[in-house]
Amino acid sequence: MQFESKNSGRPFIPGFIAGEPADEQRARIARELAEREEHRQANLAELSSVRNAPGERVRIWERMYGLALPRDPNHHLLDMIAVATHLELAQVQEEQRLRGPAPPVAKEP
């Protein structure tokens, strides 16, 4: 049985089930870890797949890393998103533009 961490959104595997023999527990955990790794690899493939539009790749990146696309067009994270999604920086910035303007920065008096 898998549960989802309420803070990270990532599934975790409970370690011990009362009455389950140790060899069965090890096998179950190994299967669950293999399934999780298979799911992660599938997400990584979709992240950079040319079949997905740039906006979809950015949404996959956001879901995988639990972060929102920064609004600042000069944010240092944009370069990392571009590399991870196999997009040009300009394509990531275009996705920002399509989502709307950055909120105004408050100036100190």
Protein backbone atom coordinates (compact mmCIF):
# COMPACT_ATOMS: atom_id res chain seq x y z
CA MET A 1 0.00 0.00 0.00
CA GLN A 2 1.37 3.42 -0.92
CA PHE A 3 0.58 6.70 0.72
CA GLU A 4 1.29 10.18 -0.51
CA SER A 5 3.34 12.57 1.56
CA LYS A 6 1.13 15.54 2.31
CA ASN A 7 4.00 18.02 1.94
CA SER A 8 5.94 16.77 -1.06
CA GLY A 9 3.21 15.08 -3.08
CA ARG A 10 5.56 12.12 -3.52
CA PRO A 11 4.46 8.59 -2.71
CA PHE A 12 6.26 6.71 0.00
CA ILE A 13 6.20 3.07 0.96
CA PRO A 14 5.35 2.10 4.49
CA GLY A 15 8.23 0.04 5.82
CA PHE A 16 6.65 -2.64 7.93
CA ILE A 17 3.43 -4.62 7.68
CA ALA A 18 2.71 -6.68 10.77
CA GLY A 19 2.69 -10.38 10.06
CA GLU A 20 4.39 -10.09 6.68
CA PRO A 21 7.43 -12.34 6.41
CA ALA A 22 10.72 -10.48 5.87
CA ASP A 23 11.41 -12.06 2.46
CA GLU A 24 7.95 -11.11 1.20
CA GLN A 25 8.39 -7.59 2.57
CA ARG A 26 11.74 -7.22 0.76
CA ALA A 27 10.20 -8.50 -2.47
CA ARG A 28 7.21 -6.17 -2.14
CA ILE A 29 9.41 -3.15 -1.47
CA ALA A 30 11.68 -4.06 -4.40
CA ARG A 31 8.64 -4.33 -6.71
CA GLU A 32 7.25 -0.99 -5.52
CA LEU A 33 10.61 0.73 -5.94
CA ALA A 34 10.96 -0.74 -9.44
CA GLU A 35 7.47 0.49 -10.34
CA ARG A 36 8.27 3.94 -9.00
CA GLU A 37 11.52 4.06 -10.99
CA GLU A 38 9.70 2.92 -14.13
CA HIS A 39 7.15 5.71 -13.64
CA ARG A 40 9.96 8.24 -13.10
CA GLN A 41 11.74 7.11 -16.27
CA ALA A 42 8.50 7.42 -18.25
CA ASN A 43 8.04 10.96 -16.93
CA LEU A 44 11.63 11.84 -17.86
CA ALA A 45 11.01 10.56 -21.40
CA GLU A 46 7.84 12.65 -21.69
CA LEU A 47 9.65 15.68 -20.28
CA SER A 48 11.88 15.91 -23.33
CA SER A 49 9.69 14.25 -25.95
CA VAL A 50 9.36 16.25 -29.17
CA ARG A 51 5.79 14.93 -29.38
CA ASN A 52 4.88 17.24 -26.50
CA ALA A 53 4.42 20.95 -27.06
CA PRO A 54 6.71 23.27 -25.06
CA GLY A 55 3.89 24.19 -22.67
CA GLU A 56 3.18 20.54 -21.93
CA ARG A 57 6.87 19.85 -21.29
CA VAL A 58 7.01 22.75 -18.83
CA ARG A 59 3.86 21.46 -17.06
CA ILE A 60 5.44 17.99 -16.80
CA TRP A 61 8.57 19.61 -15.32
CA GLU A 62 6.44 21.54 -12.81
CA ARG A 63 4.62 18.35 -11.78
CA MET A 64 7.82 16.30 -11.47
CA TYR A 65 9.67 18.84 -9.36
CA GLY A 66 6.73 20.35 -7.49
CA LEU A 67 7.66 23.87 -8.57
CA ALA A 68 5.83 26.51 -10.57
CA LEU A 69 7.37 28.16 -13.60
CA PRO A 70 9.00 31.35 -12.31
CA ARG A 71 7.35 34.54 -13.54
CA ASP A 72 10.56 36.54 -13.84
CA PRO A 73 11.86 36.22 -17.44
CA ASN A 74 15.43 36.47 -16.12
CA HIS A 75 15.08 33.89 -13.35
CA HIS A 76 18.11 31.57 -13.12
CA LEU A 77 15.85 28.48 -12.96
CA LEU A 78 14.69 29.03 -16.54
CA ASP A 79 18.02 27.79 -17.91
CA MET A 80 17.65 24.58 -15.90
CA ILE A 81 14.08 24.10 -17.11
CA ALA A 82 15.21 24.59 -20.71
CA VAL A 83 17.94 21.97 -20.35
CA ALA A 84 15.65 19.45 -18.61
CA THR A 85 12.90 19.83 -21.21
CA HIS A 86 15.26 20.06 -24.22
CA LEU A 87 13.77 23.43 -25.11
CA GLU A 88 15.44 26.69 -26.02
CA LEU A 89 15.40 29.37 -23.33
CA ALA A 90 13.26 31.50 -25.63
CA GLN A 91 10.61 28.74 -25.72
CA VAL A 92 10.45 28.61 -21.93
CA GLN A 93 10.19 32.40 -21.80
CA GLU A 94 7.40 32.25 -24.40
CA GLU A 95 5.50 29.87 -22.11
CA GLN A 96 5.92 32.46 -19.34
CA ARG A 97 4.57 35.17 -21.63
CA LEU A 98 1.56 33.04 -22.56
CA ARG A 99 0.74 32.51 -18.89
CA GLY A 100 0.60 36.21 -18.17
CA PRO A 101 2.74 39.04 -16.89
CA ALA A 102 4.88 38.83 -13.79
CA PRO A 103 3.37 40.49 -10.73
CA PRO A 104 4.76 43.97 -10.10
CA VAL A 105 7.74 44.18 -7.78
CA ALA A 106 7.15 46.43 -4.79
CA LYS A 107 9.71 49.20 -4.57
CA GLU A 108 11.09 50.22 -1.22
CA PRO A 109 10.45 53.85 -0.23
